PDB file of N, CA and C in Angstrom:
ATOM      1  N   MET A   1     -75.390 -57.823  17.935  1.00  0.00           N
ATOM      2  CA  MET A   1     -74.746 -56.645  18.486  1.00  0.00           C
ATOM      3  C   MET A   1     -73.367 -57.007  19.024  1.00  0.00           C
ATOM      4  N   ILE A   2     -72.455 -56.154  18.678  1.00  0.00           N
ATOM      5  CA  ILE A   2     -71.097 -56.329  19.181  1.00  0.00           C
ATOM      6  C   ILE A   2     -70.884 -55.335  20.312  1.00  0.00           C
ATOM      7  N   LYS A   3     -70.502 -55.863  21.430  1.00  0.00           N
ATOM      8  CA  LYS A   3     -70.287 -55.005  22.586  1.00  0.00           C
ATOM      9  C   LYS A   3     -68.792 -54.708  22.703  1.00  0.00           C
ATOM     10  N   LYS A   4     -68.454 -53.415  22.677  1.00  0.00           N
ATOM     11  CA  LYS A   4     -67.051 -53.029  22.830  1.00  0.00           C
ATOM     12  C   LYS A   4     -66.791 -52.723  24.292  1.00  0.00           C
ATOM     13  N   ASP A   5     -65.758 -53.284  24.787  1.00  0.00           N
ATOM     14  CA  ASP A   5     -65.381 -53.051  26.187  1.00  0.00           C
ATOM     15  C   ASP A   5     -64.330 -51.958  26.226  1.00  0.00           C
ATOM     16  N   LYS A   6     -64.777 -50.741  26.492  1.00  0.00           N
ATOM     17  CA  LYS A   6     -63.839 -49.619  26.560  1.00  0.00           C
ATOM     18  C   LYS A   6     -63.489 -49.374  28.026  1.00  0.00           C
ATOM     19  N   ARG A   7     -62.225 -49.344  28.268  1.00  0.00           N
ATOM     20  CA  ARG A   7     -61.751 -49.060  29.612  1.00  0.00           C
ATOM     21  C   ARG A   7     -60.912 -47.802  29.565  1.00  0.00           C
ATOM     22  N   GLY A   8     -60.852 -47.103  30.704  1.00  0.00           N
ATOM     23  CA  GLY A   8     -60.044 -45.902  30.770  1.00  0.00           C
ATOM     24  C   GLY A   8     -60.898 -44.659  30.923  1.00  0.00           C
ATOM     25  N   PHE A   9     -60.237 -43.548  30.933  1.00  0.00           N
ATOM     26  CA  PHE A   9     -60.910 -42.266  31.125  1.00  0.00           C
ATOM     27  C   PHE A   9     -60.961 -41.504  29.811  1.00  0.00           C
ATOM     28  N   THR A  10     -61.960 -40.679  29.702  1.00  0.00           N
ATOM     29  CA  THR A  10     -62.037 -39.827  28.526  1.00  0.00           C
ATOM     30  C   THR A  10     -61.131 -38.611  28.747  1.00  0.00           C
ATOM     31  N   PHE A  11     -60.874 -37.915  27.678  1.00  0.00           N
ATOM     32  CA  PHE A  11     -60.020 -36.728  27.741  1.00  0.00           C
ATOM     33  C   PHE A  11     -60.610 -35.670  28.672  1.00  0.00           C
ATOM     34  N   VAL A  12     -61.909 -35.498  28.631  1.00  0.00           N
ATOM     35  CA  VAL A  12     -62.579 -34.496  29.478  1.00  0.00           C
ATOM     36  C   VAL A  12     -62.432 -34.858  30.954  1.00  0.00           C
ATOM     37  N   GLU A  13     -62.587 -36.119  31.289  1.00  0.00           N
ATOM     38  CA  GLU A  13     -62.435 -36.551  32.683  1.00  0.00           C
ATOM     39  C   GLU A  13     -61.013 -36.306  33.183  1.00  0.00           C
ATOM     40  N   ILE A  14     -60.053 -36.586  32.347  1.00  0.00           N
ATOM     41  CA  ILE A  14     -58.657 -36.350  32.730  1.00  0.00           C
ATOM     42  C   ILE A  14     -58.399 -34.861  32.922  1.00  0.00           C
ATOM     43  N   MET A  15     -58.922 -34.024  32.049  1.00  0.00           N
ATOM     44  CA  MET A  15     -58.725 -32.574  32.165  1.00  0.00           C
ATOM     45  C   MET A  15     -59.392 -32.019  33.424  1.00  0.00           C
ATOM     46  N   ILE A  16     -60.552 -32.517  33.769  1.00  0.00           N
ATOM     47  CA  ILE A  16     -61.226 -32.081  35.002  1.00  0.00           C
ATOM     48  C   ILE A  16     -60.406 -32.475  36.223  1.00  0.00           C
ATOM     49  N   ALA A  17     -59.883 -33.689  36.237  1.00  0.00           N
ATOM     50  CA  ALA A  17     -59.052 -34.144  37.354  1.00  0.00           C
ATOM     51  C   ALA A  17     -57.795 -33.287  37.482  1.00  0.00           C
ATOM     52  N   ILE A  18     -57.157 -32.961  36.364  1.00  0.00           N
ATOM     53  CA  ILE A  18     -55.957 -32.113  36.383  1.00  0.00           C
ATOM     54  C   ILE A  18     -56.303 -30.713  36.887  1.00  0.00           C
ATOM     55  N   ALA A  19     -57.454 -30.184  36.479  1.00  0.00           N
ATOM     56  CA  ALA A  19     -57.863 -28.849  36.932  1.00  0.00           C
ATOM     57  C   ALA A  19     -58.086 -28.831  38.442  1.00  0.00           C
ATOM     58  N   ILE A  20     -58.731 -29.834  38.970  1.00  0.00           N
ATOM     59  CA  ILE A  20     -58.979 -29.909  40.415  1.00  0.00           C
ATOM     60  C   ILE A  20     -57.672 -30.030  41.181  1.00  0.00           C
ATOM     61  N   ILE A  21     -56.768 -30.875  40.712  1.00  0.00           N
ATOM     62  CA  ILE A  21     -55.469 -31.032  41.368  1.00  0.00           C
ATOM     63  C   ILE A  21     -54.677 -29.733  41.310  1.00  0.00           C
ATOM     64  N   SER A  22     -54.746 -29.013  40.195  1.00  0.00           N
ATOM     65  CA  SER A  22     -54.032 -27.736  40.067  1.00  0.00           C
ATOM     66  C   SER A  22     -54.559 -26.699  41.049  1.00  0.00           C
ATOM     67  N   ILE A  23     -55.861 -26.626  41.208  1.00  0.00           N
ATOM     68  CA  ILE A  23     -56.449 -25.677  42.158  1.00  0.00           C
ATOM     69  C   ILE A  23     -56.016 -26.008  43.579  1.00  0.00           C
ATOM     70  N   LEU A  24     -56.079 -27.279  43.949  1.00  0.00           N
ATOM     71  CA  LEU A  24     -55.667 -27.686  45.289  1.00  0.00           C
ATOM     72  C   LEU A  24     -54.174 -27.425  45.525  1.00  0.00           C
ATOM     73  N   ALA A  25     -53.346 -27.668  44.524  1.00  0.00           N
ATOM     74  CA  ALA A  25     -51.912 -27.413  44.650  1.00  0.00           C
ATOM     75  C   ALA A  25     -51.644 -25.920  44.813  1.00  0.00           C
ATOM     76  N   GLY A  26     -52.367 -25.084  44.068  1.00  0.00           N
ATOM     77  CA  GLY A  26     -52.196 -23.637  44.197  1.00  0.00           C
ATOM     78  C   GLY A  26     -52.525 -23.149  45.599  1.00  0.00           C
ATOM     79  N   ILE A  27     -53.592 -23.670  46.168  1.00  0.00           N
ATOM     80  CA  ILE A  27     -53.974 -23.288  47.533  1.00  0.00           C
ATOM     81  C   ILE A  27     -52.923 -23.768  48.530  1.00  0.00           C
ATOM     82  N   ALA A  28     -52.453 -24.995  48.375  1.00  0.00           N
ATOM     83  CA  ALA A  28     -51.467 -25.547  49.304  1.00  0.00           C
ATOM     84  C   ALA A  28     -50.149 -24.789  49.243  1.00  0.00           C
ATOM     85  N   ILE A  29     -49.689 -24.439  48.058  1.00  0.00           N
ATOM     86  CA  ILE A  29     -48.421 -23.718  47.917  1.00  0.00           C
ATOM     87  C   ILE A  29     -48.522 -22.332  48.541  1.00  0.00           C
ATOM     88  N   LYS A  30     -49.643 -21.660  48.315  1.00  0.00           N
ATOM     89  CA  LYS A  30     -49.844 -20.330  48.899  1.00  0.00           C
ATOM     90  C   LYS A  30     -49.795 -20.396  50.423  1.00  0.00           C
ATOM     91  N   ASN A  31     -50.473 -21.373  51.002  1.00  0.00           N
ATOM     92  CA  ASN A  31     -50.464 -21.522  52.461  1.00  0.00           C
ATOM     93  C   ASN A  31     -49.092 -21.916  52.984  1.00  0.00           C
ATOM     94  N   PHE A  32     -48.369 -22.729  52.229  1.00  0.00           N
ATOM     95  CA  PHE A  32     -47.026 -23.126  52.643  1.00  0.00           C
ATOM     96  C   PHE A  32     -46.090 -21.927  52.676  1.00  0.00           C
ATOM     97  N   VAL A  33     -46.150 -21.073  51.670  1.00  0.00           N
ATOM     98  CA  VAL A  33     -45.294 -19.883  51.618  1.00  0.00           C
ATOM     99  C   VAL A  33     -45.614 -18.951  52.778  1.00  0.00           C
ATOM    100  N   LYS A  34     -46.895 -18.766  53.055  1.00  0.00           N
ATOM    101  CA  LYS A  34     -47.305 -17.903  54.170  1.00  0.00           C
ATOM    102  C   LYS A  34     -46.825 -18.472  55.505  1.00  0.00           C
ATOM    103  N   ALA A  35     -46.953 -19.766  55.702  1.00  0.00           N
ATOM    104  CA  ALA A  35     -46.504 -20.397  56.943  1.00  0.00           C
ATOM    105  C   ALA A  35     -44.989 -20.279  57.088  1.00  0.00           C
ATOM    106  N   ARG A  36     -44.265 -20.395  55.985  1.00  0.00           N
ATOM    107  CA  ARG A  36     -42.806 -20.271  56.023  1.00  0.00           C
ATOM    108  C   ARG A  36     -42.387 -18.856  56.418  1.00  0.00           C
ATOM    109  N   GLU A  37     -43.057 -17.844  55.853  1.00  0.00           N
ATOM    110  CA  GLU A  37     -42.741 -16.458  56.200  1.00  0.00           C
ATOM    111  C   GLU A  37     -43.039 -16.178  57.672  1.00  0.00           C
ATOM    112  N   ASN A  38     -44.159 -16.701  58.175  1.00  0.00           N
ATOM    113  CA  ASN A  38     -44.492 -16.530  59.592  1.00  0.00           C
ATOM    114  C   ASN A  38     -43.456 -17.190  60.488  1.00  0.00           C
ATOM    115  N   ALA A  39     -42.994 -18.368  60.107  1.00  0.00           N
ATOM    116  CA  ALA A  39     -41.985 -19.071  60.902  1.00  0.00           C
ATOM    117  C   ALA A  39     -40.663 -18.300  60.921  1.00  0.00           C
ATOM    118  N   GLN A  40     -40.259 -17.754  59.775  1.00  0.00           N
ATOM    119  CA  GLN A  40     -39.026 -16.966  59.729  1.00  0.00           C
ATOM    120  C   GLN A  40     -39.148 -15.711  60.572  1.00  0.00           C
ATOM    121  N   ARG A  41     -40.305 -15.033  60.505  1.00  0.00           N
ATOM    122  CA  ARG A  41     -40.515 -13.829  61.306  1.00  0.00           C
ATOM    123  C   ARG A  41     -40.473 -14.160  62.801  1.00  0.00           C
ATOM    124  N   ASN A  42     -41.135 -15.232  63.207  1.00  0.00           N
ATOM    125  CA  ASN A  42     -41.151 -15.615  64.614  1.00  0.00           C
ATOM    126  C   ASN A  42     -39.769 -16.018  65.110  1.00  0.00           C
ATOM    127  N   ALA A  43     -38.995 -16.694  64.278  1.00  0.00           N
ATOM    128  CA  ALA A  43     -37.631 -17.073  64.659  1.00  0.00           C
ATOM    129  C   ALA A  43     -36.751 -15.835  64.816  1.00  0.00           C
ATOM    130  N   CYS A  44     -36.910 -14.868  63.925  1.00  0.00           N
ATOM    131  CA  CYS A  44     -36.130 -13.635  64.007  1.00  0.00           C
ATOM    132  C   CYS A  44     -36.483 -12.861  65.272  1.00  0.00           C
ATOM    133  N   ILE A  45     -37.764 -12.734  65.563  1.00  0.00           N
ATOM    134  CA  ILE A  45     -38.196 -12.013  66.769  1.00  0.00           C
ATOM    135  C   ILE A  45     -37.688 -12.719  68.019  1.00  0.00           C
ATOM    136  N   ALA A  46     -37.693 -14.047  68.027  1.00  0.00           N
ATOM    137  CA  ALA A  46     -37.167 -14.795  69.175  1.00  0.00           C
ATOM    138  C   ALA A  46     -35.673 -14.534  69.361  1.00  0.00           C
ATOM    139  N   SER A  47     -34.929 -14.462  68.260  1.00  0.00           N
ATOM    140  CA  SER A  47     -33.498 -14.174  68.347  1.00  0.00           C
ATOM    141  C   SER A  47     -33.252 -12.754  68.859  1.00  0.00           C
ATOM    142  N   LEU A  48     -34.053 -11.813  68.397  1.00  0.00           N
ATOM    143  CA  LEU A  48     -33.911 -10.428  68.868  1.00  0.00           C
ATOM    144  C   LEU A  48     -34.204 -10.331  70.366  1.00  0.00           C
ATOM    145  N   ARG A  49     -35.222 -11.048  70.821  1.00  0.00           N
ATOM    146  CA  ARG A  49     -35.533 -11.058  72.259  1.00  0.00           C
ATOM    147  C   ARG A  49     -34.408 -11.708  73.054  1.00  0.00           C
ATOM    148  N   GLN A  50     -33.811 -12.745  72.494  1.00  0.00           N
ATOM    149  CA  GLN A  50     -32.707 -13.424  73.166  1.00  0.00           C
ATOM    150  C   GLN A  50     -31.517 -12.470  73.327  1.00  0.00           C
ATOM    151  N   ILE A  51     -31.181 -11.740  72.291  1.00  0.00           N
ATOM    152  CA  ILE A  51     -30.078 -10.779  72.361  1.00  0.00           C
ATOM    153  C   ILE A  51     -30.408  -9.670  73.353  1.00  0.00           C
ATOM    154  N   SER A  52     -31.636  -9.154  73.276  1.00  0.00           N
ATOM    155  CA  SER A  52     -32.040  -8.080  74.178  1.00  0.00           C
ATOM    156  C   SER A  52     -31.992  -8.537  75.638  1.00  0.00           C
ATOM    157  N   GLY A  53     -32.459  -9.734  75.897  1.00  0.00           N
ATOM    158  CA  GLY A  53     -32.411 -10.273  77.258  1.00  0.00           C
ATOM    159  C   GLY A  53     -30.985 -10.448  77.757  1.00  0.00           C
ATOM    160  N   ALA A  54     -30.100 -10.916  76.879  1.00  0.00           N
ATOM    161  CA  ALA A  54     -28.696 -11.086  77.259  1.00  0.00           C
ATOM    162  C   ALA A  54     -28.064  -9.734  77.574  1.00  0.00           C
ATOM    163  N   VAL A  55     -28.378  -8.715  76.781  1.00  0.00           N
ATOM    164  CA  VAL A  55     -27.845  -7.366  77.022  1.00  0.00           C
ATOM    165  C   VAL A  55     -28.332  -6.845  78.369  1.00  0.00           C
ATOM    166  N   GLN A  56     -29.606  -7.040  78.651  1.00  0.00           N
ATOM    167  CA  GLN A  56     -30.167  -6.556  79.924  1.00  0.00           C
ATOM    168  C   GLN A  56     -29.562  -7.298  81.121  1.00  0.00           C
ATOM    169  N   ARG A  57     -29.378  -8.616  81.006  1.00  0.00           N
ATOM    170  CA  ARG A  57     -28.742  -9.373  82.086  1.00  0.00           C
ATOM    171  C   ARG A  57     -27.306  -8.922  82.291  1.00  0.00           C
ATOM    172  N   TRP A  58     -26.593  -8.688  81.187  1.00  0.00           N
ATOM    173  CA  TRP A  58     -25.212  -8.198  81.278  1.00  0.00           C
ATOM    174  C   TRP A  58     -25.173  -6.837  81.965  1.00  0.00           C
ATOM    175  N   ALA A  59     -26.118  -5.957  81.616  1.00  0.00           N
ATOM    176  CA  ALA A  59     -26.157  -4.622  82.202  1.00  0.00           C
ATOM    177  C   ALA A  59     -26.424  -4.687  83.703  1.00  0.00           C
ATOM    178  N   ILE A  60     -27.303  -5.576  84.103  1.00  0.00           N
ATOM    179  CA  ILE A  60     -27.588  -5.720  85.541  1.00  0.00           C
ATOM    180  C   ILE A  60     -26.386  -6.298  86.268  1.00  0.00           C
ATOM    181  N   ASP A  61     -25.760  -7.321  85.693  1.00  0.00           N
ATOM    182  CA  ASP A  61     -24.607  -7.964  86.337  1.00  0.00           C
ATOM    183  C   ASP A  61     -23.415  -7.027  86.467  1.00  0.00           C
ATOM    184  N   THR A  62     -23.219  -6.162  85.476  1.00  0.00           N
ATOM    185  CA  THR A  62     -22.040  -5.289  85.494  1.00  0.00           C
ATOM    186  C   THR A  62     -22.346  -3.880  85.992  1.00  0.00           C
ATOM    187  N   SER A  63     -23.603  -3.603  86.318  1.00  0.00           N
ATOM    188  CA  SER A  63     -24.041  -2.268  86.740  1.00  0.00           C
ATOM    189  C   SER A  63     -23.627  -1.216  85.713  1.00  0.00           C
ATOM    190  N   ALA A  64     -23.823  -1.533  84.461  1.00  0.00           N
ATOM    191  CA  ALA A  64     -23.399  -0.655  83.373  1.00  0.00           C
ATOM    192  C   ALA A  64     -24.382   0.497  83.188  1.00  0.00           C
ATOM    193  N   GLU A  65     -23.866   1.616  82.726  1.00  0.00           N
ATOM    194  CA  GLU A  65     -24.696   2.773  82.397  1.00  0.00           C
ATOM    195  C   GLU A  65     -25.434   2.503  81.080  1.00  0.00           C
ATOM    196  N   SER A  66     -26.454   3.310  80.782  1.00  0.00           N
ATOM    197  CA  SER A  66     -27.261   3.068  79.582  1.00  0.00           C
ATOM    198  C   SER A  66     -26.497   3.317  78.283  1.00  0.00           C
ATOM    199  N   ASP A  67     -25.411   4.081  78.346  1.00  0.00           N
ATOM    200  CA  ASP A  67     -24.631   4.328  77.134  1.00  0.00           C
ATOM    201  C   ASP A  67     -23.334   3.520  77.109  1.00  0.00           C
ATOM    202  N   ALA A  68     -23.234   2.530  77.982  1.00  0.00           N
ATOM    203  CA  ALA A  68     -22.024   1.700  78.043  1.00  0.00           C
ATOM    204  C   ALA A  68     -21.917   0.831  76.798  1.00  0.00           C
ATOM    205  N   PRO A  69     -20.718   0.733  76.214  1.00  0.00           N
ATOM    206  CA  PRO A  69     -20.555  -0.142  75.033  1.00  0.00           C
ATOM    207  C   PRO A  69     -20.678  -1.617  75.431  1.00  0.00           C
ATOM    208  N   ILE A  70     -21.192  -2.396  74.516  1.00  0.00           N
ATOM    209  CA  ILE A  70     -21.423  -3.818  74.782  1.00  0.00           C
ATOM    210  C   ILE A  70     -20.359  -4.637  74.073  1.00  0.00           C
ATOM    211  N   ASP A  71     -19.834  -5.633  74.782  1.00  0.00           N
ATOM    212  CA  ASP A  71     -18.836  -6.527  74.213  1.00  0.00           C
ATOM    213  C   ASP A  71     -19.538  -7.798  73.732  1.00  0.00           C
ATOM    214  N   LYS A  72     -19.591  -7.992  72.424  1.00  0.00           N
ATOM    215  CA  LYS A  72     -20.277  -9.136  71.828  1.00  0.00           C
ATOM    216  C   LYS A  72     -19.663 -10.458  72.276  1.00  0.00           C
ATOM    217  N   VAL A  73     -18.350 -10.500  72.399  1.00  0.00           N
ATOM    218  CA  VAL A  73     -17.674 -11.736  72.794  1.00  0.00           C
ATOM    219  C   VAL A  73     -18.089 -12.134  74.209  1.00  0.00           C
ATOM    220  N   GLU A  74     -18.151 -11.159  75.119  1.00  0.00           N
ATOM    221  CA  GLU A  74     -18.558 -11.448  76.492  1.00  0.00           C
ATOM    222  C   GLU A  74     -20.018 -11.886  76.552  1.00  0.00           C
ATOM    223  N   LEU A  75     -20.864 -11.222  75.777  1.00  0.00           N
ATOM    224  CA  LEU A  75     -22.276 -11.618  75.740  1.00  0.00           C
ATOM    225  C   LEU A  75     -22.429 -13.052  75.257  1.00  0.00           C
ATOM    226  N   ALA A  76     -21.756 -13.376  74.169  1.00  0.00           N
ATOM    227  CA  ALA A  76     -21.875 -14.720  73.593  1.00  0.00           C
ATOM    228  C   ALA A  76     -21.317 -15.774  74.536  1.00  0.00           C
ATOM    229  N   ALA A  77     -20.231 -15.458  75.212  1.00  0.00           N
ATOM    230  CA  ALA A  77     -19.582 -16.447  76.073  1.00  0.00           C
ATOM    231  C   ALA A  77     -20.350 -16.680  77.374  1.00  0.00           C
ATOM    232  N   ASN A  78     -20.886 -15.612  77.961  1.00  0.00           N
ATOM    233  CA  ASN A  78     -21.459 -15.732  79.297  1.00  0.00           C
ATOM    234  C   ASN A  78     -22.986 -15.729  79.355  1.00  0.00           C
ATOM    235  N   TYR A  79     -23.646 -15.203  78.343  1.00  0.00           N
ATOM    236  CA  TYR A  79     -25.097 -15.041  78.427  1.00  0.00           C
ATOM    237  C   TYR A  79     -25.871 -15.755  77.326  1.00  0.00           C
ATOM    238  N   LEU A  80     -25.204 -16.236  76.306  1.00  0.00           N
ATOM    239  CA  LEU A  80     -25.841 -16.979  75.223  1.00  0.00           C
ATOM    240  C   LEU A  80     -25.034 -18.241  74.954  1.00  0.00           C
ATOM    241  N   LYS A  81     -25.692 -19.290  74.531  1.00  0.00           N
ATOM    242  CA  LYS A  81     -24.949 -20.491  74.154  1.00  0.00           C
ATOM    243  C   LYS A  81     -24.197 -20.245  72.853  1.00  0.00           C
ATOM    244  N   VAL A  82     -24.900 -19.717  71.871  1.00  0.00           N
ATOM    245  CA  VAL A  82     -24.292 -19.326  70.591  1.00  0.00           C
ATOM    246  C   VAL A  82     -24.919 -18.015  70.159  1.00  0.00           C
ATOM    247  N   TRP A  83     -24.171 -17.236  69.395  1.00  0.00           N
ATOM    248  CA  TRP A  83     -24.710 -15.982  68.890  1.00  0.00           C
ATOM    249  C   TRP A  83     -25.697 -16.288  67.772  1.00  0.00           C
ATOM    250  N   PRO A  84     -26.914 -15.730  67.829  1.00  0.00           N
ATOM    251  CA  PRO A  84     -27.934 -16.049  66.821  1.00  0.00           C
ATOM    252  C   PRO A  84     -27.544 -15.614  65.414  1.00  0.00           C
ATOM    253  N   LYS A  85     -28.080 -16.350  64.442  1.00  0.00           N
ATOM    254  CA  LYS A  85     -27.868 -16.042  63.023  1.00  0.00           C
ATOM    255  C   LYS A  85     -29.202 -16.069  62.310  1.00  0.00           C
ATOM    256  N   GLU A  86     -29.288 -15.312  61.232  1.00  0.00           N
ATOM    257  CA  GLU A  86     -30.423 -15.423  60.319  1.00  0.00           C
ATOM    258  C   GLU A  86     -29.849 -15.935  59.016  1.00  0.00           C
ATOM    259  N   GLY A  87     -30.063 -17.204  58.775  1.00  0.00           N
ATOM    260  CA  GLY A  87     -29.419 -17.848  57.633  1.00  0.00           C
ATOM    261  C   GLY A  87     -27.934 -17.972  57.919  1.00  0.00           C
ATOM    262  N   ILE A  88     -27.109 -17.297  57.117  1.00  0.00           N
ATOM    263  CA  ILE A  88     -25.667 -17.327  57.350  1.00  0.00           C
ATOM    264  C   ILE A  88     -25.147 -16.004  57.914  1.00  0.00           C
ATOM    265  N   VAL A  89     -26.059 -15.052  58.146  1.00  0.00           N
ATOM    266  CA  VAL A  89     -25.674 -13.721  58.606  1.00  0.00           C
ATOM    267  C   VAL A  89     -25.871 -13.616  60.114  1.00  0.00           C
ATOM    268  N   ASP A  90     -24.837 -13.164  60.824  1.00  0.00           N
ATOM    269  CA  ASP A  90     -24.944 -12.940  62.268  1.00  0.00           C
ATOM    270  C   ASP A  90     -25.785 -11.706  62.556  1.00  0.00           C
ATOM    271  N   TYR A  91     -26.486 -11.742  63.667  1.00  0.00           N
ATOM    272  CA  TYR A  91     -27.174 -10.539  64.140  1.00  0.00           C
ATOM    273  C   TYR A  91     -26.117  -9.570  64.649  1.00  0.00           C
ATOM    274  N   ALA A  92     -26.337  -8.289  64.423  1.00  0.00           N
ATOM    275  CA  ALA A  92     -25.392  -7.279  64.903  1.00  0.00           C
ATOM    276  C   ALA A  92     -25.604  -7.061  66.389  1.00  0.00           C
ATOM    277  N   CYS A  93     -24.515  -6.849  67.084  1.00  0.00           N
ATOM    278  CA  CYS A  93     -24.579  -6.537  68.501  1.00  0.00           C
ATOM    279  C   CYS A  93     -24.972  -5.068  68.646  1.00  0.00           C
ATOM    280  N   PRO A  94     -25.957  -4.755  69.501  1.00  0.00           N
ATOM    281  CA  PRO A  94     -26.304  -3.349  69.683  1.00  0.00           C
ATOM    282  C   PRO A  94     -25.109  -2.573  70.236  1.00  0.00           C
ATOM    283  N   PRO A  95     -24.924  -1.323  69.816  1.00  0.00           N
ATOM    284  CA  PRO A  95     -23.757  -0.568  70.273  1.00  0.00           C
ATOM    285  C   PRO A  95     -23.797  -0.214  71.752  1.00  0.00           C
ATOM    286  N   ASP A  96     -25.005  -0.050  72.298  1.00  0.00           N
ATOM    287  CA  ASP A  96     -25.113   0.242  73.728  1.00  0.00           C
ATOM    288  C   ASP A  96     -26.391  -0.376  74.283  1.00  0.00           C
ATOM    289  N   ILE A  97     -26.582  -0.252  75.584  1.00  0.00           N
ATOM    290  CA  ILE A  97     -27.699  -0.915  76.264  1.00  0.00           C
ATOM    291  C   ILE A  97     -29.047  -0.381  75.810  1.00  0.00           C
ATOM    292  N   SER A  98     -29.137   0.895  75.541  1.00  0.00           N
ATOM    293  CA  SER A  98     -30.425   1.504  75.196  1.00  0.00           C
ATOM    294  C   SER A  98     -30.865   1.240  73.756  1.00  0.00           C
ATOM    295  N   THR A  99     -30.001   0.686  72.922  1.00  0.00           N
ATOM    296  CA  THR A  99     -30.333   0.416  71.519  1.00  0.00           C
ATOM    297  C   THR A  99     -31.012  -0.946  71.391  1.00  0.00           C
ATOM    298  N   VAL A 100     -32.104  -0.979  70.649  1.00  0.00           N
ATOM    299  CA  VAL A 100     -32.833  -2.226  70.411  1.00  0.00           C
ATOM    300  C   VAL A 100     -32.139  -2.987  69.289  1.00  0.00           C
ATOM    301  N   PRO A 101     -31.915  -4.305  69.442  1.00  0.00           N
ATOM    302  CA  PRO A 101     -31.302  -5.070  68.351  1.00  0.00           C
ATOM    303  C   PRO A 101     -32.184  -5.071  67.109  1.00  0.00           C
ATOM    304  N   LYS A 102     -31.547  -5.164  65.944  1.00  0.00           N
ATOM    305  CA  LYS A 102     -32.270  -5.115  64.674  1.00  0.00           C
ATOM    306  C   LYS A 102     -32.019  -6.379  63.861  1.00  0.00           C
ATOM    307  N   CYS A 103     -32.978  -6.683  63.006  1.00  0.00           N
ATOM    308  CA  CYS A 103     -32.897  -7.842  62.123  1.00  0.00           C
ATOM    309  C   CYS A 103     -31.825  -7.597  61.052  1.00  0.00           C
ATOM    310  N   PRO A 104     -30.981  -8.585  60.756  1.00  0.00           N
ATOM    311  CA  PRO A 104     -29.952  -8.395  59.717  1.00  0.00           C
ATOM    312  C   PRO A 104     -30.535  -8.176  58.321  1.00  0.00           C
ATOM    313  N   SER A 105     -31.744  -8.660  58.064  1.00  0.00           N
ATOM    314  CA  SER A 105     -32.333  -8.468  56.737  1.00  0.00           C
ATOM    315  C   SER A 105     -33.104  -7.156  56.633  1.00  0.00           C
ATOM    316  N   ASN A 106     -33.127  -6.364  57.700  1.00  0.00           N
ATOM    317  CA  ASN A 106     -33.812  -5.059  57.732  1.00  0.00           C
ATOM    318  C   ASN A 106     -35.287  -5.169  57.359  1.00  0.00           C
ATOM    319  N   ASN A 107     -35.902  -6.278  57.719  1.00  0.00           N
ATOM    320  CA  ASN A 107     -37.324  -6.475  57.459  1.00  0.00           C
ATOM    321  C   ASN A 107     -38.119  -5.712  58.521  1.00  0.00           C
ATOM    322  N   PRO A 108     -39.015  -4.789  58.119  1.00  0.00           N
ATOM    323  CA  PRO A 108     -39.732  -3.980  59.094  1.00  0.00           C
ATOM    324  C   PRO A 108     -40.688  -4.764  59.978  1.00  0.00           C
ATOM    325  N   THR A 109     -41.089  -5.963  59.564  1.00  0.00           N
ATOM    326  CA  THR A 109     -41.995  -6.764  60.409  1.00  0.00           C
ATOM    327  C   THR A 109     -41.235  -7.553  61.458  1.00  0.00           C
ATOM    328  N   HIS A 110     -39.917  -7.588  61.381  1.00  0.00           N
ATOM    329  CA  HIS A 110     -39.100  -8.319  62.342  1.00  0.00           C
ATOM    330  C   HIS A 110     -38.607  -7.366  63.420  1.00  0.00           C
ATOM    331  N   THR A 111     -39.479  -6.999  64.339  1.00  0.00           N
ATOM    332  CA  THR A 111     -39.097  -6.116  65.439  1.00  0.00           C
ATOM    333  C   THR A 111     -39.656  -6.646  66.744  1.00  0.00           C
ATOM    334  N   ILE A 112     -39.002  -6.264  67.811  1.00  0.00           N
ATOM    335  CA  ILE A 112     -39.476  -6.664  69.132  1.00  0.00           C
ATOM    336  C   ILE A 112     -40.662  -5.816  69.509  1.00  0.00           C
TER     337      ILE A 112
END
């Protein structure tokens, strides 16, 4: 009897391994995308709260009326370290104290 020493994997074993890795990669990518969207939403909401807080502090310090116009330059200089951005787009300054700041991407889930 001649004994053949075969080493390596069969085609079926390799295909099963590739299928398992593909399933795991699909699950990981889906979770990564979801986590990224949650992080972007939370960062946007934090920026909106920061702007809103700065507006409220400015209103208290200046005894401004609810329809008083807001000066973005004064807010950025005295109440924020830097004006928040979403990507490369600046957040818009609310026109008056009673207006809630809005997300620059107009995403409905990004609200205070």
